Amino acid sequence: MCEDRKCVEEVVDDYLKSLLRPQSANEKFKLFQDNEEEDEEIDEKTVTNSYLFTEILIKRILNADLDLDFIFEDLKSKLGNSHPIVIFLKELLEE
């Protein structure tokens, strides 16, 4: 679990790099590992990290002119519809 913004930035960068290397696409990132069990409740730290991840990801997407829809679908398939990152991105896409 990340404790600061720099850590979350590294996770975002690792995630984006994984999209360029399909062989590593199944890697688990530290931000996503804490709530692997579906029955486990999402805690405040996970929501905070998810919000930061989404904020940083959007900035990286805009700066690099990446396909937000592709990234959204990839995260949805890896994390599920109810993960905070997916929910935050879905809200942004609907705006």
PDB file of N, CA and C in Angstrom:
ATOM      1  N   MET A   1       0.853  -1.172   0.000  1.00  0.00           N
ATOM      2  CA  MET A   1       0.000   0.000   0.000  1.00  0.00           C
ATOM      3  C   MET A   1       0.896   1.230   0.000  1.00  0.00           C
ATOM      4  N   CYS A   2       0.587   2.161  -0.846  1.00  0.00           N
ATOM      5  CA  CYS A   2       1.372   3.388  -0.934  1.00  0.00           C
ATOM      6  C   CYS A   2       1.051   4.317   0.230  1.00  0.00           C
ATOM      7  N   GLU A   3       2.084   4.980   0.697  1.00  0.00           N
ATOM      8  CA  GLU A   3       1.926   5.923   1.801  1.00  0.00           C
ATOM      9  C   GLU A   3       2.072   7.374   1.357  1.00  0.00           C
ATOM     10  N   ASP A   4       2.506   7.607   0.114  1.00  0.00           N
ATOM     11  CA  ASP A   4       2.661   8.984  -0.349  1.00  0.00           C
ATOM     12  C   ASP A   4       2.420   9.080  -1.854  1.00  0.00           C
ATOM     13  N   ARG A   5       2.339  10.314  -2.322  1.00  0.00           N
ATOM     14  CA  ARG A   5       2.032  10.586  -3.729  1.00  0.00           C
ATOM     15  C   ARG A   5       3.106  10.028  -4.670  1.00  0.00           C
ATOM     16  N   LYS A   6       4.362  10.128  -4.264  1.00  0.00           N
ATOM     17  CA  LYS A   6       5.458   9.642  -5.106  1.00  0.00           C
ATOM     18  C   LYS A   6       5.312   8.144  -5.370  1.00  0.00           C
ATOM     19  N   CYS A   7       4.945   7.410  -4.373  1.00  0.00           N
ATOM     20  CA  CYS A   7       4.731   5.969  -4.524  1.00  0.00           C
ATOM     21  C   CYS A   7       3.605   5.702  -5.527  1.00  0.00           C
ATOM     22  N   VAL A   8       2.502   6.442  -5.422  1.00  0.00           N
ATOM     23  CA  VAL A   8       1.373   6.259  -6.340  1.00  0.00           C
ATOM     24  C   VAL A   8       1.797   6.626  -7.760  1.00  0.00           C
ATOM     25  N   GLU A   9       2.608   7.685  -7.911  1.00  0.00           N
ATOM     26  CA  GLU A   9       3.122   8.058  -9.238  1.00  0.00           C
ATOM     27  C   GLU A   9       3.920   6.906  -9.848  1.00  0.00           C
ATOM     28  N   GLU A  10       4.731   6.241  -9.037  1.00  0.00           N
ATOM     29  CA  GLU A  10       5.514   5.103  -9.524  1.00  0.00           C
ATOM     30  C   GLU A  10       4.601   3.956  -9.957  1.00  0.00           C
ATOM     31  N   VAL A  11       3.521   3.746  -9.217  1.00  0.00           N
ATOM     32  CA  VAL A  11       2.571   2.690  -9.573  1.00  0.00           C
ATOM     33  C   VAL A  11       1.894   3.014 -10.902  1.00  0.00           C
ATOM     34  N   VAL A  12       1.516   4.283 -11.094  1.00  0.00           N
ATOM     35  CA  VAL A  12       0.911   4.703 -12.365  1.00  0.00           C
ATOM     36  C   VAL A  12       1.897   4.466 -13.504  1.00  0.00           C
ATOM     37  N   ASP A  13       3.130   4.882 -13.308  1.00  0.00           N
ATOM     38  CA  ASP A  13       4.145   4.693 -14.352  1.00  0.00           C
ATOM     39  C   ASP A  13       4.369   3.209 -14.646  1.00  0.00           C
ATOM     40  N   ASP A  14       4.409   2.386 -13.598  1.00  0.00           N
ATOM     41  CA  ASP A  14       4.558   0.936 -13.798  1.00  0.00           C
ATOM     42  C   ASP A  14       3.370   0.373 -14.571  1.00  0.00           C
ATOM     43  N   TYR A  15       2.184   0.831 -14.235  1.00  0.00           N
ATOM     44  CA  TYR A  15       0.985   0.358 -14.942  1.00  0.00           C
ATOM     45  C   TYR A  15       1.053   0.730 -16.427  1.00  0.00           C
ATOM     46  N   LEU A  16       1.383   1.991 -16.711  1.00  0.00           N
ATOM     47  CA  LEU A  16       1.443   2.432 -18.110  1.00  0.00           C
ATOM     48  C   LEU A  16       2.530   1.674 -18.876  1.00  0.00           C
ATOM     49  N   LYS A  17       3.657   1.422 -18.234  1.00  0.00           N
ATOM     50  CA  LYS A  17       4.720   0.637 -18.878  1.00  0.00           C
ATOM     51  C   LYS A  17       4.245  -0.782 -19.166  1.00  0.00           C
ATOM     52  N   SER A  18       3.429  -1.332 -18.274  1.00  0.00           N
ATOM     53  CA  SER A  18       2.940  -2.704 -18.472  1.00  0.00           C
ATOM     54  C   SER A  18       2.051  -2.805 -19.708  1.00  0.00           C
ATOM     55  N   LEU A  19       1.400  -1.714 -20.068  1.00  0.00           N
ATOM     56  CA  LEU A  19       0.562  -1.718 -21.272  1.00  0.00           C
ATOM     57  C   LEU A  19       1.411  -1.837 -22.529  1.00  0.00           C
ATOM     58  N   LEU A  20       2.651  -1.372 -22.441  1.00  0.00           N
ATOM     59  CA  LEU A  20       3.566  -1.449 -23.579  1.00  0.00           C
ATOM     60  C   LEU A  20       4.284  -2.789 -23.647  1.00  0.00           C
ATOM     61  N   ARG A  21       4.248  -3.527 -22.541  1.00  0.00           N
ATOM     62  CA  ARG A  21       4.895  -4.843 -22.475  1.00  0.00           C
ATOM     63  C   ARG A  21       3.840  -5.890 -22.146  1.00  0.00           C
ATOM     64  N   PRO A  22       3.179  -6.432 -23.146  1.00  0.00           N
ATOM     65  CA  PRO A  22       2.092  -7.386 -22.896  1.00  0.00           C
ATOM     66  C   PRO A  22       2.484  -8.581 -22.024  1.00  0.00           C
ATOM     67  N   GLN A  23       3.730  -9.005 -22.069  1.00  0.00           N
ATOM     68  CA  GLN A  23       4.137 -10.145 -21.260  1.00  0.00           C
ATOM     69  C   GLN A  23       4.050  -9.843 -19.770  1.00  0.00           C
ATOM     70  N   SER A  24       4.061  -8.577 -19.390  1.00  0.00           N
ATOM     71  CA  SER A  24       3.980  -8.231 -17.970  1.00  0.00           C
ATOM     72  C   SER A  24       2.601  -7.704 -17.598  1.00  0.00           C
ATOM     73  N   ALA A  25       1.644  -7.852 -18.484  1.00  0.00           N
ATOM     74  CA  ALA A  25       0.309  -7.295 -18.250  1.00  0.00           C
ATOM     75  C   ALA A  25      -0.393  -7.916 -17.054  1.00  0.00           C
ATOM     76  N   ASN A  26      -0.013  -9.104 -16.671  1.00  0.00           N
ATOM     77  CA  ASN A  26      -0.676  -9.756 -15.547  1.00  0.00           C
ATOM     78  C   ASN A  26      -0.011  -9.472 -14.207  1.00  0.00           C
ATOM     79  N   GLU A  27       1.010  -8.648 -14.220  1.00  0.00           N
ATOM     80  CA  GLU A  27       1.666  -8.289 -12.967  1.00  0.00           C
ATOM     81  C   GLU A  27       0.669  -7.603 -12.044  1.00  0.00           C
ATOM     82  N   LYS A  28       0.837  -7.854 -10.747  1.00  0.00           N
ATOM     83  CA  LYS A  28       0.008  -7.162  -9.765  1.00  0.00           C
ATOM     84  C   LYS A  28       0.801  -5.960  -9.266  1.00  0.00           C
ATOM     85  N   PHE A  29       0.135  -4.842  -9.164  1.00  0.00           N
ATOM     86  CA  PHE A  29       0.782  -3.643  -8.666  1.00  0.00           C
ATOM     87  C   PHE A  29       0.444  -3.464  -7.203  1.00  0.00           C
ATOM     88  N   LYS A  30       1.367  -2.883  -6.447  1.00  0.00           N
ATOM     89  CA  LYS A  30       1.177  -2.770  -5.010  1.00  0.00           C
ATOM     90  C   LYS A  30      -0.089  -2.012  -4.631  1.00  0.00           C
ATOM     91  N   LEU A  31      -0.524  -1.084  -5.444  1.00  0.00           N
ATOM     92  CA  LEU A  31      -1.752  -0.352  -5.146  1.00  0.00           C
ATOM     93  C   LEU A  31      -2.957  -1.271  -5.205  1.00  0.00           C
ATOM     94  N   PHE A  32      -2.910  -2.291  -6.045  1.00  0.00           N
ATOM     95  CA  PHE A  32      -4.060  -3.164  -6.271  1.00  0.00           C
ATOM     96  C   PHE A  32      -4.042  -4.416  -5.405  1.00  0.00           C
ATOM     97  N   GLN A  33      -2.958  -4.698  -4.746  1.00  0.00           N
ATOM     98  CA  GLN A  33      -2.815  -5.981  -4.062  1.00  0.00           C
ATOM     99  C   GLN A  33      -3.551  -6.070  -2.739  1.00  0.00           C
ATOM    100  N   ASP A  34      -3.822  -4.978  -2.101  1.00  0.00           N
ATOM    101  CA  ASP A  34      -4.344  -5.033  -0.744  1.00  0.00           C
ATOM    102  C   ASP A  34      -5.768  -5.549  -0.630  1.00  0.00           C
ATOM    103  N   ASN A  35      -6.560  -5.410  -1.675  1.00  0.00           N
ATOM    104  CA  ASN A  35      -7.955  -5.824  -1.589  1.00  0.00           C
ATOM    105  C   ASN A  35      -8.273  -6.899  -2.609  1.00  0.00           C
ATOM    106  N   GLU A  36      -7.496  -7.966  -2.577  1.00  0.00           N
ATOM    107  CA  GLU A  36      -7.703  -9.034  -3.546  1.00  0.00           C
ATOM    108  C   GLU A  36      -8.974  -9.820  -3.275  1.00  0.00           C
ATOM    109  N   GLU A  37      -9.363  -9.952  -2.019  1.00  0.00           N
ATOM    110  CA  GLU A  37     -10.570 -10.693  -1.702  1.00  0.00           C
ATOM    111  C   GLU A  37     -11.780  -9.805  -1.927  1.00  0.00           C
ATOM    112  N   GLU A  38     -12.768 -10.332  -2.635  1.00  0.00           N
ATOM    113  CA  GLU A  38     -13.940  -9.530  -2.960  1.00  0.00           C
ATOM    114  C   GLU A  38     -14.757  -9.176  -1.728  1.00  0.00           C
ATOM    115  N   ASP A  39     -14.713 -10.029  -0.700  1.00  0.00           N
ATOM    116  CA  ASP A  39     -15.508  -9.782   0.502  1.00  0.00           C
ATOM    117  C   ASP A  39     -14.895  -8.706   1.391  1.00  0.00           C
ATOM    118  N   GLU A  40     -13.645  -8.404   1.168  1.00  0.00           N
ATOM    119  CA  GLU A  40     -12.946  -7.430   1.999  1.00  0.00           C
ATOM    120  C   GLU A  40     -13.456  -6.020   1.699  1.00  0.00           C
ATOM    121  N   GLU A  41     -13.715  -5.265   2.748  1.00  0.00           N
ATOM    122  CA  GLU A  41     -14.188  -3.900   2.551  1.00  0.00           C
ATOM    123  C   GLU A  41     -13.043  -3.010   2.087  1.00  0.00           C
ATOM    124  N   ILE A  42     -13.385  -2.009   1.308  1.00  0.00           N
ATOM    125  CA  ILE A  42     -12.394  -1.056   0.822  1.00  0.00           C
ATOM    126  C   ILE A  42     -12.192  -0.005   1.901  1.00  0.00           C
ATOM    127  N   ASP A  43     -10.950   0.161   2.346  1.00  0.00           N
ATOM    128  CA  ASP A  43     -10.676   1.105   3.421  1.00  0.00           C
ATOM    129  C   ASP A  43     -10.357   2.498   2.878  1.00  0.00           C
ATOM    130  N   GLU A  44     -10.223   3.426   3.793  1.00  0.00           N
ATOM    131  CA  GLU A  44      -9.988   4.831   3.433  1.00  0.00           C
ATOM    132  C   GLU A  44      -8.684   5.013   2.658  1.00  0.00           C
ATOM    133  N   LYS A  45      -7.648   4.282   3.032  1.00  0.00           N
ATOM    134  CA  LYS A  45      -6.353   4.400   2.357  1.00  0.00           C
ATOM    135  C   LYS A  45      -6.461   3.937   0.905  1.00  0.00           C
ATOM    136  N   THR A  46      -7.219   2.885   0.671  1.00  0.00           N
ATOM    137  CA  THR A  46      -7.416   2.396  -0.694  1.00  0.00           C
ATOM    138  C   THR A  46      -8.143   3.432  -1.535  1.00  0.00           C
ATOM    139  N   VAL A  47      -9.155   4.064  -0.960  1.00  0.00           N
ATOM    140  CA  VAL A  47      -9.901   5.096  -1.685  1.00  0.00           C
ATOM    141  C   VAL A  47      -8.992   6.283  -1.984  1.00  0.00           C
ATOM    142  N   THR A  48      -8.194   6.696  -1.000  1.00  0.00           N
ATOM    143  CA  THR A  48      -7.265   7.813  -1.197  1.00  0.00           C
ATOM    144  C   THR A  48      -6.245   7.478  -2.284  1.00  0.00           C
ATOM    145  N   ASN A  49      -5.644   6.296  -2.205  1.00  0.00           N
ATOM    146  CA  ASN A  49      -4.677   5.885  -3.227  1.00  0.00           C
ATOM    147  C   ASN A  49      -5.334   5.776  -4.595  1.00  0.00           C
ATOM    148  N   SER A  50      -6.562   5.294  -4.628  1.00  0.00           N
ATOM    149  CA  SER A  50      -7.285   5.165  -5.897  1.00  0.00           C
ATOM    150  C   SER A  50      -7.556   6.525  -6.514  1.00  0.00           C
ATOM    151  N   TYR A  51      -7.929   7.489  -5.675  1.00  0.00           N
ATOM    152  CA  TYR A  51      -8.169   8.843  -6.174  1.00  0.00           C
ATOM    153  C   TYR A  51      -6.870   9.435  -6.727  1.00  0.00           C
ATOM    154  N   LEU A  52      -5.781   9.303  -5.968  1.00  0.00           N
ATOM    155  CA  LEU A  52      -4.481   9.809  -6.434  1.00  0.00           C
ATOM    156  C   LEU A  52      -4.050   9.104  -7.713  1.00  0.00           C
ATOM    157  N   PHE A  53      -4.229   7.793  -7.765  1.00  0.00           N
ATOM    158  CA  PHE A  53      -3.882   7.030  -8.960  1.00  0.00           C
ATOM    159  C   PHE A  53      -4.644   7.576 -10.158  1.00  0.00           C
ATOM    160  N   THR A  54      -5.945   7.795  -9.987  1.00  0.00           N
ATOM    161  CA  THR A  54      -6.782   8.295 -11.077  1.00  0.00           C
ATOM    162  C   THR A  54      -6.338   9.682 -11.512  1.00  0.00           C
ATOM    163  N   GLU A  55      -6.072  10.557 -10.556  1.00  0.00           N
ATOM    164  CA  GLU A  55      -5.631  11.923 -10.863  1.00  0.00           C
ATOM    165  C   GLU A  55      -4.318  11.918 -11.647  1.00  0.00           C
ATOM    166  N   ILE A  56      -3.356  11.156 -11.171  1.00  0.00           N
ATOM    167  CA  ILE A  56      -2.049  11.088 -11.828  1.00  0.00           C
ATOM    168  C   ILE A  56      -2.178  10.423 -13.197  1.00  0.00           C
ATOM    169  N   LEU A  57      -2.976   9.363 -13.271  1.00  0.00           N
ATOM    170  CA  LEU A  57      -3.186   8.658 -14.535  1.00  0.00           C
ATOM    171  C   LEU A  57      -3.773   9.589 -15.590  1.00  0.00           C
ATOM    172  N   ILE A  58      -4.768  10.369 -15.222  1.00  0.00           N
ATOM    173  CA  ILE A  58      -5.397  11.303 -16.168  1.00  0.00           C
ATOM    174  C   ILE A  58      -4.363  12.305 -16.684  1.00  0.00           C
ATOM    175  N   LYS A  59      -3.528  12.824 -15.795  1.00  0.00           N
ATOM    176  CA  LYS A  59      -2.484  13.767 -16.226  1.00  0.00           C
ATOM    177  C   LYS A  59      -1.525  13.111 -17.212  1.00  0.00           C
ATOM    178  N   ARG A  60      -1.118  11.871 -16.912  1.00  0.00           N
ATOM    179  CA  ARG A  60      -0.208  11.151 -17.812  1.00  0.00           C
ATOM    180  C   ARG A  60      -0.882  10.883 -19.162  1.00  0.00           C
ATOM    181  N   ILE A  61      -2.150  10.515 -19.131  1.00  0.00           N
ATOM    182  CA  ILE A  61      -2.897  10.238 -20.365  1.00  0.00           C
ATOM    183  C   ILE A  61      -2.977  11.487 -21.231  1.00  0.00           C
ATOM    184  N   LEU A  62      -3.295  12.614 -20.616  1.00  0.00           N
ATOM    185  CA  LEU A  62      -3.411  13.869 -21.366  1.00  0.00           C
ATOM    186  C   LEU A  62      -2.063  14.315 -21.918  1.00  0.00           C
ATOM    187  N   ASN A  63      -1.009  14.174 -21.129  1.00  0.00           N
ATOM    188  CA  ASN A  63       0.326  14.581 -21.578  1.00  0.00           C
ATOM    189  C   ASN A  63       0.855  13.705 -22.706  1.00  0.00           C
ATOM    190  N   ALA A  64       0.494  12.435 -22.703  1.00  0.00           N
ATOM    191  CA  ALA A  64       1.020  11.502 -23.704  1.00  0.00           C
ATOM    192  C   ALA A  64       0.012  11.190 -24.806  1.00  0.00           C
ATOM    193  N   ASP A  65      -1.158  11.791 -24.733  1.00  0.00           N
ATOM    194  CA  ASP A  65      -2.215  11.570 -25.727  1.00  0.00           C
ATOM    195  C   ASP A  65      -2.527  10.078 -25.882  1.00  0.00           C
ATOM    196  N   LEU A  66      -2.797   9.431 -24.741  1.00  0.00           N
ATOM    197  CA  LEU A  66      -3.125   8.007 -24.731  1.00  0.00           C
ATOM    198  C   LEU A  66      -4.634   7.814 -24.835  1.00  0.00           C
ATOM    199  N   ASP A  67      -5.054   6.608 -25.155  1.00  0.00           N
ATOM    200  CA  ASP A  67      -6.467   6.274 -25.327  1.00  0.00           C
ATOM    201  C   ASP A  67      -7.104   5.961 -23.969  1.00  0.00           C
ATOM    202  N   LEU A  68      -7.872   6.906 -23.448  1.00  0.00           N
ATOM    203  CA  LEU A  68      -8.501   6.758 -22.141  1.00  0.00           C
ATOM    204  C   LEU A  68      -9.481   5.588 -22.124  1.00  0.00           C
ATOM    205  N   ASP A  69     -10.223   5.391 -23.196  1.00  0.00           N
ATOM    206  CA  ASP A  69     -11.189   4.289 -23.249  1.00  0.00           C
ATOM    207  C   ASP A  69     -10.493   2.930 -23.132  1.00  0.00           C
ATOM    208  N   PHE A  70      -9.371   2.782 -23.827  1.00  0.00           N
ATOM    209  CA  PHE A  70      -8.612   1.527 -23.753  1.00  0.00           C
ATOM    210  C   PHE A  70      -8.130   1.282 -22.329  1.00  0.00           C
ATOM    211  N   ILE A  71      -7.578   2.318 -21.703  1.00  0.00           N
ATOM    212  CA  ILE A  71      -7.058   2.196 -20.341  1.00  0.00           C
ATOM    213  C   ILE A  71      -8.189   1.895 -19.364  1.00  0.00           C
ATOM    214  N   PHE A  72      -9.330   2.550 -19.547  1.00  0.00           N
ATOM    215  CA  PHE A  72     -10.485   2.294 -18.691  1.00  0.00           C
ATOM    216  C   PHE A  72     -10.909   0.826 -18.791  1.00  0.00           C
ATOM    217  N   GLU A  73     -11.019   0.315 -20.002  1.00  0.00           N
ATOM    218  CA  GLU A  73     -11.437  -1.081 -20.195  1.00  0.00           C
ATOM    219  C   GLU A  73     -10.409  -2.052 -19.609  1.00  0.00           C
ATOM    220  N   ASP A  74      -9.130  -1.734 -19.747  1.00  0.00           N
ATOM    221  CA  ASP A  74      -8.083  -2.583 -19.187  1.00  0.00           C
ATOM    222  C   ASP A  74      -8.176  -2.629 -17.661  1.00  0.00           C
ATOM    223  N   LEU A  75      -8.320  -1.457 -17.043  1.00  0.00           N
ATOM    224  CA  LEU A  75      -8.425  -1.412 -15.582  1.00  0.00           C
ATOM    225  C   LEU A  75      -9.700  -2.093 -15.100  1.00  0.00           C
ATOM    226  N   LYS A  76     -10.783  -1.910 -15.834  1.00  0.00           N
ATOM    227  CA  LYS A  76     -12.048  -2.549 -15.459  1.00  0.00           C
ATOM    228  C   LYS A  76     -11.903  -4.071 -15.498  1.00  0.00           C
ATOM    229  N   SER A  77     -11.208  -4.579 -16.497  1.00  0.00           N
ATOM    230  CA  SER A  77     -11.033  -6.039 -16.588  1.00  0.00           C
ATOM    231  C   SER A  77     -10.114  -6.568 -15.485  1.00  0.00           C
ATOM    232  N   LYS A  78      -9.149  -5.762 -15.061  1.00  0.00           N
ATOM    233  CA  LYS A  78      -8.206  -6.203 -14.028  1.00  0.00           C
ATOM    234  C   LYS A  78      -8.742  -6.012 -12.614  1.00  0.00           C
ATOM    235  N   LEU A  79      -9.516  -4.936 -12.410  1.00  0.00           N
ATOM    236  CA  LEU A  79      -9.930  -4.580 -11.054  1.00  0.00           C
ATOM    237  C   LEU A  79     -11.393  -4.865 -10.756  1.00  0.00           C
ATOM    238  N   GLY A  80     -12.215  -4.933 -11.794  1.00  0.00           N
ATOM    239  CA  GLY A  80     -13.649  -5.124 -11.590  1.00  0.00           C
ATOM    240  C   GLY A  80     -14.393  -3.800 -11.575  1.00  0.00           C
ATOM    241  N   ASN A  81     -15.698  -3.869 -11.773  1.00  0.00           N
ATOM    242  CA  ASN A  81     -16.531  -2.662 -11.881  1.00  0.00           C
ATOM    243  C   ASN A  81     -16.641  -1.854 -10.600  1.00  0.00           C
ATOM    244  N   SER A  82     -16.440  -2.489  -9.454  1.00  0.00           N
ATOM    245  CA  SER A  82     -16.678  -1.794  -8.189  1.00  0.00           C
ATOM    246  C   SER A  82     -15.418  -1.209  -7.549  1.00  0.00           C
ATOM    247  N   HIS A  83     -14.269  -1.350  -8.194  1.00  0.00           N
ATOM    248  CA  HIS A  83     -13.036  -0.782  -7.631  1.00  0.00           C
ATOM    249  C   HIS A  83     -13.093   0.741  -7.743  1.00  0.00           C
ATOM    250  N   PRO A  84     -12.629   1.465  -6.712  1.00  0.00           N
ATOM    251  CA  PRO A  84     -12.690   2.936  -6.743  1.00  0.00           C
ATOM    252  C   PRO A  84     -12.036   3.567  -7.972  1.00  0.00           C
ATOM    253  N   ILE A  85     -10.936   3.017  -8.456  1.00  0.00           N
ATOM    254  CA  ILE A  85     -10.290   3.582  -9.651  1.00  0.00           C
ATOM    255  C   ILE A  85     -11.239   3.519 -10.838  1.00  0.00           C
ATOM    256  N   VAL A  86     -11.887   2.389 -11.013  1.00  0.00           N
ATOM    257  CA  VAL A  86     -12.825   2.217 -12.124  1.00  0.00           C
ATOM    258  C   VAL A  86     -14.010   3.167 -11.967  1.00  0.00           C
ATOM    259  N   ILE A  87     -14.502   3.309 -10.756  1.00  0.00           N
ATOM    260  CA  ILE A  87     -15.629   4.220 -10.502  1.00  0.00           C
ATOM    261  C   ILE A  87     -15.228   5.660 -10.800  1.00  0.00           C
ATOM    262  N   PHE A  88     -14.048   6.087 -10.330  1.00  0.00           N
ATOM    263  CA  PHE A  88     -13.583   7.457 -10.596  1.00  0.00           C
ATOM    264  C   PHE A  88     -13.430   7.703 -12.094  1.00  0.00           C
ATOM    265  N   LEU A  89     -12.819   6.759 -12.798  1.00  0.00           N
ATOM    266  CA  LEU A  89     -12.630   6.925 -14.246  1.00  0.00           C
ATOM    267  C   LEU A  89     -13.962   6.943 -14.989  1.00  0.00           C
ATOM    268  N   LYS A  90     -14.887   6.105 -14.566  1.00  0.00           N
ATOM    269  CA  LYS A  90     -16.202   6.064 -15.211  1.00  0.00           C
ATOM    270  C   LYS A  90     -16.904   7.413 -15.074  1.00  0.00           C
ATOM    271  N   GLU A  91     -16.831   8.003 -13.885  1.00  0.00           N
ATOM    272  CA  GLU A  91     -17.436   9.320 -13.670  1.00  0.00           C
ATOM    273  C   GLU A  91     -16.793  10.366 -14.573  1.00  0.00           C
ATOM    274  N   LEU A  92     -15.477  10.319 -14.717  1.00  0.00           N
ATOM    275  CA  LEU A  92     -14.781  11.273 -15.583  1.00  0.00           C
ATOM    276  C   LEU A  92     -15.159  11.085 -17.047  1.00  0.00           C
ATOM    277  N   LEU A  93     -15.294   9.846 -17.476  1.00  0.00           N
ATOM    278  CA  LEU A  93     -15.665   9.573 -18.865  1.00  0.00           C
ATOM    279  C   LEU A  93     -17.082  10.051 -19.174  1.00  0.00           C
ATOM    280  N   GLU A  94     -17.950  10.007 -18.174  1.00  0.00           N
ATOM    281  CA  GLU A  94     -19.334  10.417 -18.379  1.00  0.00           C
ATOM    282  C   GLU A  94     -19.497  11.934 -18.415  1.00  0.00           C
ATOM    283  N   GLU A  95     -18.508  12.661 -17.918  1.00  0.00           N
ATOM    284  CA  GLU A  95     -18.597  14.136 -17.902  1.00  0.00           C
ATOM    285  C   GLU A  95     -18.292  14.729 -19.255  1.00  0.00           C
TER     286      GLU A  95
END
